[in-house]
Amino acid sequence: MSKKVGHRFLLKKIHVRVEHVTHSTSRDEFLARMKRNDESKRAAKLAGLPKPDTKRQPKGPIPAHFISTKKNTPELVTPVMFEFVE
């Protein structure tokens, strides 16, 4: 680990027991995604289709919906006056 001090980075030591250290799973997810992408490309090539889009897409906005107020009464929110304490 490093800490920025002024214009330089100082290395810091952390003391952790071996039992508490775990491998990151982000690499496993990446490798699985690459395997799926390669398989879909291979299948498209054998079928004579164009290459599929294998890029990850961001989640879109949540679709519009109505909220029922039958059992959910609206709550009126008003600002609270600031009190200066000396």
PDB file of N, CA and C in Angstrom:
ATOM      1  N   MET A   1       0.852  -1.177   0.000  1.00  0.00           N
ATOM      2  CA  MET A   1       0.000   0.000   0.000  1.00  0.00           C
ATOM      3  C   MET A   1       0.887   1.226   0.000  1.00  0.00           C
ATOM      4  N   SER A   2       0.355   2.289  -0.554  1.00  0.00           N
ATOM      5  CA  SER A   2       1.116   3.524  -0.589  1.00  0.00           C
ATOM      6  C   SER A   2       0.223   4.680  -0.174  1.00  0.00           C
ATOM      7  N   LYS A   3       0.864   5.733   0.324  1.00  0.00           N
ATOM      8  CA  LYS A   3       0.154   6.916   0.788  1.00  0.00           C
ATOM      9  C   LYS A   3       0.818   8.121   0.159  1.00  0.00           C
ATOM     10  N   LYS A   4       0.021   9.020  -0.409  1.00  0.00           N
ATOM     11  CA  LYS A   4       0.586  10.208  -1.028  1.00  0.00           C
ATOM     12  C   LYS A   4       0.863  11.241   0.053  1.00  0.00           C
ATOM     13  N   VAL A   5       2.123  11.669   0.153  1.00  0.00           N
ATOM     14  CA  VAL A   5       2.529  12.688   1.111  1.00  0.00           C
ATOM     15  C   VAL A   5       3.224  13.780   0.318  1.00  0.00           C
ATOM     16  N   GLY A   6       2.548  14.910   0.172  1.00  0.00           N
ATOM     17  CA  GLY A   6       3.128  16.000  -0.611  1.00  0.00           C
ATOM     18  C   GLY A   6       3.224  15.600  -2.073  1.00  0.00           C
ATOM     19  N   HIS A   7       4.456  15.505  -2.583  1.00  0.00           N
ATOM     20  CA  HIS A   7       4.684  15.180  -3.983  1.00  0.00           C
ATOM     21  C   HIS A   7       5.178  13.759  -4.187  1.00  0.00           C
ATOM     22  N   ARG A   8       5.217  12.956  -3.127  1.00  0.00           N
ATOM     23  CA  ARG A   8       5.773  11.604  -3.249  1.00  0.00           C
ATOM     24  C   ARG A   8       4.815  10.586  -2.627  1.00  0.00           C
ATOM     25  N   PHE A   9       5.066   9.331  -2.945  1.00  0.00           N
ATOM     26  CA  PHE A   9       4.288   8.232  -2.387  1.00  0.00           C
ATOM     27  C   PHE A   9       5.163   7.463  -1.421  1.00  0.00           C
ATOM     28  N   LEU A  10       4.683   7.263  -0.203  1.00  0.00           N
ATOM     29  CA  LEU A  10       5.406   6.485   0.795  1.00  0.00           C
ATOM     30  C   LEU A  10       4.788   5.103   0.884  1.00  0.00           C
ATOM     31  N   LEU A  11       5.624   4.079   0.946  1.00  0.00           N
ATOM     32  CA  LEU A  11       5.118   2.720   1.094  1.00  0.00           C
ATOM     33  C   LEU A  11       4.730   2.493   2.544  1.00  0.00           C
ATOM     34  N   LYS A  12       3.586   1.854   2.741  1.00  0.00           N
ATOM     35  CA  LYS A  12       3.117   1.551   4.085  1.00  0.00           C
ATOM     36  C   LYS A  12       3.072   0.048   4.262  1.00  0.00           C
ATOM     37  N   LYS A  13       3.239  -0.401   5.464  1.00  0.00           N
ATOM     38  CA  LYS A  13       3.175  -1.827   5.774  1.00  0.00           C
ATOM     39  C   LYS A  13       1.841  -2.124   6.428  1.00  0.00           C
ATOM     40  N   ILE A  14       1.274  -3.266   6.078  1.00  0.00           N
ATOM     41  CA  ILE A  14       0.075  -3.717   6.765  1.00  0.00           C
ATOM     42  C   ILE A  14       0.374  -5.100   7.328  1.00  0.00           C
ATOM     43  N   HIS A  15      -0.147  -5.368   8.478  1.00  0.00           N
ATOM     44  CA  HIS A  15       0.083  -6.650   9.140  1.00  0.00           C
ATOM     45  C   HIS A  15      -1.216  -7.437   9.112  1.00  0.00           C
ATOM     46  N   VAL A  16      -1.223  -8.521   8.331  1.00  0.00           N
ATOM     47  CA  VAL A  16      -2.410  -9.334   8.148  1.00  0.00           C
ATOM     48  C   VAL A  16      -2.016 -10.790   8.273  1.00  0.00           C
ATOM     49  N   ARG A  17      -2.846 -11.561   8.953  1.00  0.00           N
ATOM     50  CA  ARG A  17      -2.582 -12.998   9.042  1.00  0.00           C
ATOM     51  C   ARG A  17      -2.929 -13.667   7.728  1.00  0.00           C
ATOM     52  N   VAL A  18      -2.248 -14.753   7.423  1.00  0.00           N
ATOM     53  CA  VAL A  18      -2.429 -15.447   6.154  1.00  0.00           C
ATOM     54  C   VAL A  18      -3.847 -15.978   6.010  1.00  0.00           C
ATOM     55  N   GLU A  19      -4.484 -16.355   7.089  1.00  0.00           N
ATOM     56  CA  GLU A  19      -5.833 -16.917   7.029  1.00  0.00           C
ATOM     57  C   GLU A  19      -6.844 -15.888   6.525  1.00  0.00           C
ATOM     58  N   HIS A  20      -6.545 -14.613   6.665  1.00  0.00           N
ATOM     59  CA  HIS A  20      -7.492 -13.568   6.315  1.00  0.00           C
ATOM     60  C   HIS A  20      -7.326 -13.065   4.884  1.00  0.00           C
ATOM     61  N   VAL A  21      -6.304 -13.533   4.177  1.00  0.00           N
ATOM     62  CA  VAL A  21      -6.039 -13.073   2.817  1.00  0.00           C
ATOM     63  C   VAL A  21      -6.790 -13.961   1.832  1.00  0.00           C
ATOM     64  N   THR A  22      -7.521 -13.344   0.900  1.00  0.00           N
ATOM     65  CA  THR A  22      -8.238 -14.099  -0.117  1.00  0.00           C
ATOM     66  C   THR A  22      -7.888 -13.547  -1.492  1.00  0.00           C
ATOM     67  N   HIS A  23      -7.969 -14.393  -2.508  1.00  0.00           N
ATOM     68  CA  HIS A  23      -7.717 -13.967  -3.869  1.00  0.00           C
ATOM     69  C   HIS A  23      -8.892 -13.154  -4.384  1.00  0.00           C
ATOM     70  N   SER A  24      -8.604 -12.249  -5.293  1.00  0.00           N
ATOM     71  CA  SER A  24      -9.653 -11.453  -5.914  1.00  0.00           C
ATOM     72  C   SER A  24     -10.414 -12.314  -6.916  1.00  0.00           C
ATOM     73  N   THR A  25     -11.733 -12.122  -6.988  1.00  0.00           N
ATOM     74  CA  THR A  25     -12.545 -12.899  -7.919  1.00  0.00           C
ATOM     75  C   THR A  25     -12.816 -12.139  -9.208  1.00  0.00           C
ATOM     76  N   SER A  26     -12.315 -10.911  -9.334  1.00  0.00           N
ATOM     77  CA  SER A  26     -12.580 -10.138 -10.542  1.00  0.00           C
ATOM     78  C   SER A  26     -11.895 -10.773 -11.749  1.00  0.00           C
ATOM     79  N   ARG A  27     -10.725 -11.358 -11.541  1.00  0.00           N
ATOM     80  CA  ARG A  27     -10.021 -12.009 -12.649  1.00  0.00           C
ATOM     81  C   ARG A  27     -10.803 -13.238 -13.132  1.00  0.00           C
ATOM     82  N   ASP A  28     -11.392 -13.994 -12.209  1.00  0.00           N
ATOM     83  CA  ASP A  28     -12.183 -15.172 -12.583  1.00  0.00           C
ATOM     84  C   ASP A  28     -13.377 -14.771 -13.440  1.00  0.00           C
ATOM     85  N   GLU A  29     -14.052 -13.671 -13.063  1.00  0.00           N
ATOM     86  CA  GLU A  29     -15.197 -13.196 -13.835  1.00  0.00           C
ATOM     87  C   GLU A  29     -14.745 -12.758 -15.220  1.00  0.00           C
ATOM     88  N   PHE A  30     -13.594 -12.098 -15.301  1.00  0.00           N
ATOM     89  CA  PHE A  30     -13.067 -11.652 -16.586  1.00  0.00           C
ATOM     90  C   PHE A  30     -12.761 -12.842 -17.488  1.00  0.00           C
ATOM     91  N   LEU A  31     -12.116 -13.878 -16.944  1.00  0.00           N
ATOM     92  CA  LEU A  31     -11.770 -15.050 -17.743  1.00  0.00           C
ATOM     93  C   LEU A  31     -13.025 -15.785 -18.219  1.00  0.00           C
ATOM     94  N   ALA A  32     -14.037 -15.870 -17.368  1.00  0.00           N
ATOM     95  CA  ALA A  32     -15.289 -16.519 -17.763  1.00  0.00           C
ATOM     96  C   ALA A  32     -15.970 -15.729 -18.875  1.00  0.00           C
ATOM     97  N   ARG A  33     -15.937 -14.394 -18.771  1.00  0.00           N
ATOM     98  CA  ARG A  33     -16.544 -13.559 -19.802  1.00  0.00           C
ATOM     99  C   ARG A  33     -15.803 -13.711 -21.128  1.00  0.00           C
ATOM    100  N   MET A  34     -14.465 -13.780 -21.076  1.00  0.00           N
ATOM    101  CA  MET A  34     -13.672 -13.953 -22.298  1.00  0.00           C
ATOM    102  C   MET A  34     -13.979 -15.302 -22.949  1.00  0.00           C
ATOM    103  N   LYS A  35     -14.156 -16.336 -22.128  1.00  0.00           N
ATOM    104  CA  LYS A  35     -14.478 -17.663 -22.656  1.00  0.00           C
ATOM    105  C   LYS A  35     -15.843 -17.654 -23.341  1.00  0.00           C
ATOM    106  N   ARG A  36     -16.844 -16.986 -22.713  1.00  0.00           N
ATOM    107  CA  ARG A  36     -18.171 -16.873 -23.318  1.00  0.00           C
ATOM    108  C   ARG A  36     -18.103 -16.094 -24.632  1.00  0.00           C
ATOM    109  N   ASN A  37     -17.336 -15.012 -24.650  1.00  0.00           N
ATOM    110  CA  ASN A  37     -17.214 -14.197 -25.861  1.00  0.00           C
ATOM    111  C   ASN A  37     -16.572 -14.990 -26.987  1.00  0.00           C
ATOM    112  N   ASP A  38     -15.503 -15.710 -26.686  1.00  0.00           N
ATOM    113  CA  ASP A  38     -14.826 -16.496 -27.721  1.00  0.00           C
ATOM    114  C   ASP A  38     -15.745 -17.584 -28.268  1.00  0.00           C
ATOM    115  N   GLU A  39     -16.527 -18.203 -27.372  1.00  0.00           N
ATOM    116  CA  GLU A  39     -17.450 -19.253 -27.800  1.00  0.00           C
ATOM    117  C   GLU A  39     -18.540 -18.679 -28.712  1.00  0.00           C
ATOM    118  N   SER A  40     -19.063 -17.498 -28.369  1.00  0.00           N
ATOM    119  CA  SER A  40     -20.106 -16.899 -29.209  1.00  0.00           C
ATOM    120  C   SER A  40     -19.537 -16.464 -30.554  1.00  0.00           C
ATOM    121  N   LYS A  41     -18.297 -15.977 -30.588  1.00  0.00           N
ATOM    122  CA  LYS A  41     -17.657 -15.611 -31.856  1.00  0.00           C
ATOM    123  C   LYS A  41     -17.448 -16.846 -32.725  1.00  0.00           C
ATOM    124  N   ARG A  42     -17.000 -17.929 -32.100  1.00  0.00           N
ATOM    125  CA  ARG A  42     -16.746 -19.171 -32.835  1.00  0.00           C
ATOM    126  C   ARG A  42     -18.055 -19.729 -33.422  1.00  0.00           C
ATOM    127  N   ALA A  43     -19.130 -19.685 -32.631  1.00  0.00           N
ATOM    128  CA  ALA A  43     -20.418 -20.194 -33.095  1.00  0.00           C
ATOM    129  C   ALA A  43     -20.952 -19.344 -34.252  1.00  0.00           C
ATOM    130  N   ALA A  44     -20.760 -18.007 -34.169  1.00  0.00           N
ATOM    131  CA  ALA A  44     -21.223 -17.137 -35.245  1.00  0.00           C
ATOM    132  C   ALA A  44     -20.430 -17.375 -36.519  1.00  0.00           C
ATOM    133  N   LYS A  45     -19.140 -17.642 -36.378  1.00  0.00           N
ATOM    134  CA  LYS A  45     -18.301 -17.888 -37.557  1.00  0.00           C
ATOM    135  C   LYS A  45     -18.707 -19.192 -38.239  1.00  0.00           C
ATOM    136  N   LEU A  46     -18.993 -20.233 -37.448  1.00  0.00           N
ATOM    137  CA  LEU A  46     -19.419 -21.505 -38.026  1.00  0.00           C
ATOM    138  C   LEU A  46     -20.780 -21.386 -38.711  1.00  0.00           C
ATOM    139  N   ALA A  47     -21.658 -20.549 -38.174  1.00  0.00           N
ATOM    140  CA  ALA A  47     -22.982 -20.373 -38.754  1.00  0.00           C
ATOM    141  C   ALA A  47     -22.973 -19.394 -39.923  1.00  0.00           C
ATOM    142  N   GLY A  48     -21.844 -18.722 -40.144  1.00  0.00           N
ATOM    143  CA  GLY A  48     -21.746 -17.770 -41.243  1.00  0.00           C
ATOM    144  C   GLY A  48     -22.385 -16.429 -40.932  1.00  0.00           C
ATOM    145  N   LEU A  49     -22.547 -16.116 -39.660  1.00  0.00           N
ATOM    146  CA  LEU A  49     -23.143 -14.853 -39.242  1.00  0.00           C
ATOM    147  C   LEU A  49     -22.049 -13.845 -38.920  1.00  0.00           C
ATOM    148  N   PRO A  50     -22.370 -12.543 -38.883  1.00  0.00           N
ATOM    149  CA  PRO A  50     -21.361 -11.551 -38.481  1.00  0.00           C
ATOM    150  C   PRO A  50     -21.013 -11.695 -37.005  1.00  0.00           C
ATOM    151  N   LYS A  51     -19.850 -11.151 -36.637  1.00  0.00           N
ATOM    152  CA  LYS A  51     -19.399 -11.245 -35.247  1.00  0.00           C
ATOM    153  C   LYS A  51     -20.392 -10.571 -34.315  1.00  0.00           C
ATOM    154  N   PRO A  52     -20.727 -11.203 -33.188  1.00  0.00           N
ATOM    155  CA  PRO A  52     -21.648 -10.562 -32.239  1.00  0.00           C
ATOM    156  C   PRO A  52     -20.931  -9.466 -31.457  1.00  0.00           C
ATOM    157  N   ASP A  53     -21.709  -8.528 -30.939  1.00  0.00           N
ATOM    158  CA  ASP A  53     -21.144  -7.458 -30.117  1.00  0.00           C
ATOM    159  C   ASP A  53     -20.880  -8.020 -28.723  1.00  0.00           C
ATOM    160  N   THR A  54     -19.613  -8.109 -28.346  1.00  0.00           N
ATOM    161  CA  THR A  54     -19.255  -8.714 -27.067  1.00  0.00           C
ATOM    162  C   THR A  54     -18.866  -7.688 -26.017  1.00  0.00           C
ATOM    163  N   LYS A  55     -19.006  -6.413 -26.341  1.00  0.00           N
ATOM    164  CA  LYS A  55     -18.639  -5.389 -25.359  1.00  0.00           C
ATOM    165  C   LYS A  55     -19.700  -5.312 -24.271  1.00  0.00           C
ATOM    166  N   ARG A  56     -19.267  -5.018 -23.068  1.00  0.00           N
ATOM    167  CA  ARG A  56     -20.209  -4.870 -21.966  1.00  0.00           C
ATOM    168  C   ARG A  56     -20.971  -3.562 -22.122  1.00  0.00           C
ATOM    169  N   GLN A  57     -22.258  -3.600 -21.865  1.00  0.00           N
ATOM    170  CA  GLN A  57     -23.105  -2.424 -21.989  1.00  0.00           C
ATOM    171  C   GLN A  57     -23.500  -1.940 -20.600  1.00  0.00           C
ATOM    172  N   PRO A  58     -23.489  -0.629 -20.380  1.00  0.00           N
ATOM    173  CA  PRO A  58     -23.922  -0.125 -19.070  1.00  0.00           C
ATOM    174  C   PRO A  58     -25.420  -0.341 -18.892  1.00  0.00           C
ATOM    175  N   LYS A  59     -25.833  -0.436 -17.636  1.00  0.00           N
ATOM    176  CA  LYS A  59     -27.257  -0.569 -17.356  1.00  0.00           C
ATOM    177  C   LYS A  59     -27.952   0.723 -17.737  1.00  0.00           C
ATOM    178  N   GLY A  60     -29.099   0.601 -18.359  1.00  0.00           N
ATOM    179  CA  GLY A  60     -29.854   1.778 -18.758  1.00  0.00           C
ATOM    180  C   GLY A  60     -30.634   2.333 -17.582  1.00  0.00           C
ATOM    181  N   PRO A  61     -31.359   3.427 -17.816  1.00  0.00           N
ATOM    182  CA  PRO A  61     -32.177   3.980 -16.738  1.00  0.00           C
ATOM    183  C   PRO A  61     -33.340   3.055 -16.407  1.00  0.00           C
ATOM    184  N   ILE A  62     -33.852   3.173 -15.205  1.00  0.00           N
ATOM    185  CA  ILE A  62     -34.987   2.362 -14.771  1.00  0.00           C
ATOM    186  C   ILE A  62     -36.225   2.845 -15.527  1.00  0.00           C
ATOM    187  N   PRO A  63     -37.017   1.946 -16.086  1.00  0.00           N
ATOM    188  CA  PRO A  63     -38.204   2.385 -16.827  1.00  0.00           C
ATOM    189  C   PRO A  63     -39.209   3.080 -15.903  1.00  0.00           C
ATOM    190  N   ALA A  64     -39.996   3.974 -16.488  1.00  0.00           N
ATOM    191  CA  ALA A  64     -40.973   4.741 -15.715  1.00  0.00           C
ATOM    192  C   ALA A  64     -42.044   3.828 -15.143  1.00  0.00           C
ATOM    193  N   HIS A  65     -42.499   4.130 -13.943  1.00  0.00           N
ATOM    194  CA  HIS A  65     -43.555   3.355 -13.308  1.00  0.00           C
ATOM    195  C   HIS A  65     -44.284   4.241 -12.299  1.00  0.00           C
ATOM    196  N   PHE A  66     -45.481   3.828 -11.939  1.00  0.00           N
ATOM    197  CA  PHE A  66     -46.285   4.563 -10.972  1.00  0.00           C
ATOM    198  C   PHE A  66     -46.195   3.875  -9.620  1.00  0.00           C
ATOM    199  N   ILE A  67     -46.219   4.663  -8.568  1.00  0.00           N
ATOM    200  CA  ILE A  67     -46.181   4.134  -7.203  1.00  0.00           C
ATOM    201  C   ILE A  67     -47.567   4.344  -6.591  1.00  0.00           C
ATOM    202  N   SER A  68     -48.129   3.277  -6.066  1.00  0.00           N
ATOM    203  CA  SER A  68     -49.455   3.355  -5.471  1.00  0.00           C
ATOM    204  C   SER A  68     -49.376   4.026  -4.106  1.00  0.00           C
ATOM    205  N   THR A  69     -50.352   4.880  -3.800  1.00  0.00           N
ATOM    206  CA  THR A  69     -50.388   5.544  -2.498  1.00  0.00           C
ATOM    207  C   THR A  69     -51.508   5.004  -1.628  1.00  0.00           C
ATOM    208  N   LYS A  70     -52.005   3.802  -1.969  1.00  0.00           N
ATOM    209  CA  LYS A  70     -53.084   3.219  -1.169  1.00  0.00           C
ATOM    210  C   LYS A  70     -52.631   2.963   0.265  1.00  0.00           C
ATOM    211  N   LYS A  71     -51.572   2.181   0.427  1.00  0.00           N
ATOM    212  CA  LYS A  71     -51.058   1.864   1.763  1.00  0.00           C
ATOM    213  C   LYS A  71     -49.814   2.680   2.080  1.00  0.00           C
ATOM    214  N   ASN A  72     -49.398   3.524   1.149  1.00  0.00           N
ATOM    215  CA  ASN A  72     -48.174   4.300   1.299  1.00  0.00           C
ATOM    216  C   ASN A  72     -48.548   5.780   1.240  1.00  0.00           C
ATOM    217  N   THR A  73     -48.799   6.390   2.406  1.00  0.00           N
ATOM    218  CA  THR A  73     -49.209   7.792   2.411  1.00  0.00           C
ATOM    219  C   THR A  73     -48.003   8.688   2.133  1.00  0.00           C
ATOM    220  N   PRO A  74     -48.193   9.742   1.351  1.00  0.00           N
ATOM    221  CA  PRO A  74     -47.083  10.651   1.060  1.00  0.00           C
ATOM    222  C   PRO A  74     -46.616  11.369   2.325  1.00  0.00           C
ATOM    223  N   GLU A  75     -45.325  11.637   2.401  1.00  0.00           N
ATOM    224  CA  GLU A  75     -44.744  12.301   3.569  1.00  0.00           C
ATOM    225  C   GLU A  75     -44.308  13.689   3.152  1.00  0.00           C
ATOM    226  N   LEU A  76     -44.750  14.702   3.879  1.00  0.00           N
ATOM    227  CA  LEU A  76     -44.396  16.077   3.570  1.00  0.00           C
ATOM    228  C   LEU A  76     -43.038  16.394   4.197  1.00  0.00           C
ATOM    229  N   VAL A  77     -42.105  16.830   3.383  1.00  0.00           N
ATOM    230  CA  VAL A  77     -40.758  17.127   3.859  1.00  0.00           C
ATOM    231  C   VAL A  77     -40.573  18.632   3.872  1.00  0.00           C
ATOM    232  N   THR A  78     -40.203  19.178   5.040  1.00  0.00           N
ATOM    233  CA  THR A  78     -39.960  20.614   5.155  1.00  0.00           C
ATOM    234  C   THR A  78     -38.562  20.839   5.704  1.00  0.00           C
ATOM    235  N   PRO A  79     -37.930  21.960   5.367  1.00  0.00           N
ATOM    236  CA  PRO A  79     -36.583  22.207   5.886  1.00  0.00           C
ATOM    237  C   PRO A  79     -36.612  22.490   7.383  1.00  0.00           C
ATOM    238  N   VAL A  80     -35.537  22.123   8.064  1.00  0.00           N
ATOM    239  CA  VAL A  80     -35.428  22.338   9.501  1.00  0.00           C
ATOM    240  C   VAL A  80     -34.632  23.617   9.715  1.00  0.00           C
ATOM    241  N   MET A  81     -35.110  24.483  10.587  1.00  0.00           N
ATOM    242  CA  MET A  81     -34.437  25.750  10.863  1.00  0.00           C
ATOM    243  C   MET A  81     -33.119  25.503  11.570  1.00  0.00           C
ATOM    244  N   PHE A  82     -32.061  26.169  11.103  1.00  0.00           N
ATOM    245  CA  PHE A  82     -30.745  26.034  11.718  1.00  0.00           C
ATOM    246  C   PHE A  82     -30.669  26.897  12.958  1.00  0.00           C
ATOM    247  N   GLU A  83     -30.194  26.311  14.071  1.00  0.00           N
ATOM    248  CA  GLU A  83     -30.032  27.050  15.317  1.00  0.00           C
ATOM    249  C   GLU A  83     -28.556  27.209  15.590  1.00  0.00           C
ATOM    250  N   PHE A  84     -28.128  28.459  15.758  1.00  0.00           N
ATOM    251  CA  PHE A  84     -26.716  28.718  16.052  1.00  0.00           C
ATOM    252  C   PHE A  84     -26.517  28.691  17.552  1.00  0.00           C
ATOM    253  N   VAL A  85     -25.661  27.788  18.049  1.00  0.00           N
ATOM    254  CA  VAL A  85     -25.422  27.643  19.483  1.00  0.00           C
ATOM    255  C   VAL A  85     -24.081  28.283  19.817  1.00  0.00           C
ATOM    256  N   GLU A  86     -24.082  29.187  20.806  1.00  0.00           N
ATOM    257  CA  GLU A  86     -22.828  29.842  21.200  1.00  0.00           C
ATOM    258  C   GLU A  86     -22.222  29.201  22.415  1.00  0.00           C
TER     259      GLU A  86
END
